[in-house]
């Protein structure tokens, strides 16, 4: 799912979660730390593995061992940004940019 550059990721997260396959845990960064989103993740049957923001008053426990696996997706985004066209978003149309992301992902997968 592609959103505008001025839209925060957590605003699109419920829509992405609705089309996501069933999962046991959802691993995300601090940007997704919100009570409403955590409850939405729990209603899907998944466990939210999201670190708490530093200014949060009510904190819980974080499964650090599971959270460490988040680096896999971070490495994927880093690899995609090796493509200049993806990192700078030269394309004016969203469909063209998304097609370039798909092509870059296929190339990254093929090279590994």
Protein backbone atom coordinates (compact mmCIF):
# COMPACT_ATOMS: atom_id res chain seq x y z
CA UNK A 1 0.00 0.00 0.00
CA UNK A 2 1.37 3.36 -0.99
CA UNK A 3 0.58 6.59 0.85
CA UNK A 4 1.64 10.18 0.38
CA UNK A 5 4.88 11.40 1.88
CA UNK A 6 3.04 13.60 4.35
CA UNK A 7 0.94 10.77 5.81
CA UNK A 8 2.20 9.05 8.96
CA UNK A 9 2.48 5.27 8.72
CA UNK A 10 0.13 4.59 11.63
CA UNK A 11 -2.75 6.21 9.74
CA UNK A 12 -2.49 3.61 6.97
CA UNK A 13 -1.69 0.74 9.36
CA UNK A 14 -5.33 -0.33 9.99
CA UNK A 15 -5.95 -0.68 6.25
CA UNK A 16 -2.77 -2.73 5.79
CA UNK A 17 -3.66 -4.86 8.82
CA UNK A 18 -7.07 -5.58 7.31
CA UNK A 19 -5.56 -7.14 4.18
CA UNK A 20 -2.64 -8.86 5.94
CA UNK A 21 -2.71 -12.64 6.38
CA UNK A 22 -3.20 -14.15 9.83
CA UNK A 23 -0.17 -13.76 12.10
CA UNK A 24 0.91 -14.65 15.60
CA UNK A 25 2.77 -11.40 16.27
CA UNK A 26 3.07 -7.98 14.67
CA UNK A 27 6.53 -6.46 15.06
CA UNK A 28 6.73 -2.69 14.56
CA UNK A 29 8.79 0.30 15.68
CA UNK A 30 7.89 3.04 18.16
CA UNK A 31 5.95 4.98 15.54
CA UNK A 32 3.14 2.45 15.90
CA UNK A 33 2.90 2.76 19.68
CA UNK A 34 -0.70 3.73 20.30
CA UNK A 35 -3.43 2.21 22.44
CA UNK A 36 -5.96 2.08 19.60
CA UNK A 37 -3.55 0.35 17.22
CA UNK A 38 -2.43 -2.12 19.89
CA UNK A 39 -6.06 -3.06 20.55
CA UNK A 40 -6.70 -3.44 16.82
CA UNK A 41 -3.74 -5.83 16.56
CA UNK A 42 -5.05 -7.84 19.52
CA UNK A 43 -8.50 -8.15 17.92
CA UNK A 44 -6.89 -9.85 14.92
CA UNK A 45 -5.44 -12.47 17.27
CA UNK A 46 -1.86 -11.24 17.01
CA UNK A 47 0.43 -10.10 19.77
CA UNK A 48 1.76 -6.54 19.31
CA UNK A 49 5.56 -6.45 19.67
CA UNK A 50 6.04 -2.69 19.69
CA UNK A 51 8.46 -0.82 21.96
CA UNK A 52 6.95 1.91 24.09
CA UNK A 53 7.65 5.58 23.46
CA UNK A 54 9.75 7.28 26.09
CA UNK A 55 6.92 9.65 27.10
CA UNK A 56 4.36 6.88 27.59
CA UNK A 57 2.92 6.71 31.11
CA UNK A 58 1.47 3.20 30.98
CA UNK A 59 4.06 0.66 29.88
CA UNK A 60 3.98 -3.07 29.47
CA UNK A 61 6.49 -5.76 28.65
CA UNK A 62 8.34 -6.10 25.36
CA UNK A 63 9.50 -9.44 23.99
CA UNK A 64 13.03 -8.34 23.09
CA UNK A 65 13.99 -11.67 21.54
CA UNK A 66 11.10 -11.43 19.08
CA UNK A 67 11.68 -7.72 18.47
CA UNK A 68 15.25 -8.42 17.32
CA UNK A 69 13.86 -10.12 14.21
CA UNK A 70 12.60 -6.72 13.00
CA UNK A 71 16.03 -6.03 11.52
CA UNK A 72 15.13 -8.30 8.60
CA UNK A 73 12.55 -5.86 7.27
CA UNK A 74 14.82 -2.90 8.02
CA UNK A 75 17.53 -4.52 5.90
CA UNK A 76 14.96 -5.00 3.12
CA UNK A 77 14.08 -1.29 3.11
CA UNK A 78 17.77 -0.38 3.20
CA UNK A 79 18.40 -2.61 0.19
CA UNK A 80 15.48 -1.04 -1.70
CA UNK A 81 16.88 2.43 -1.04
CA UNK A 82 20.07 1.40 -2.85
CA UNK A 83 18.04 2.07 -5.98
CA UNK A 84 18.25 5.80 -6.56
CA UNK A 85 14.84 5.92 -8.19
CA UNK A 86 13.24 4.48 -5.06
CA UNK A 87 15.18 6.57 -2.55
CA UNK A 88 14.48 9.91 -4.26
CA UNK A 89 11.05 9.12 -5.71
CA UNK A 90 11.52 10.68 -9.11
CA UNK A 91 8.20 9.35 -10.39
CA UNK A 92 5.29 11.74 -10.27
CA UNK A 93 2.58 9.09 -10.44
CA UNK A 94 2.03 6.70 -7.56
CA UNK A 95 1.44 3.74 -9.90
CA UNK A 96 4.82 4.29 -11.59
CA UNK A 97 6.60 4.55 -8.24
CA UNK A 98 4.91 1.42 -6.92
CA UNK A 99 5.86 -0.44 -10.10
CA UNK A 100 9.48 0.64 -9.60
CA UNK A 101 9.36 -0.61 -6.00
CA UNK A 102 8.03 -3.96 -7.22
CA UNK A 103 10.78 -4.23 -9.82
CA UNK A 104 13.46 -3.32 -7.30
CA UNK A 105 12.10 -5.91 -4.86
CA UNK A 106 12.17 -8.60 -7.55
CA UNK A 107 15.75 -7.70 -8.46
CA UNK A 108 16.81 -7.77 -4.78
CA UNK A 109 15.14 -11.14 -4.31
CA UNK A 110 16.67 -12.50 -7.50
CA UNK A 111 20.18 -11.37 -6.54
CA UNK A 112 20.00 -13.05 -3.15
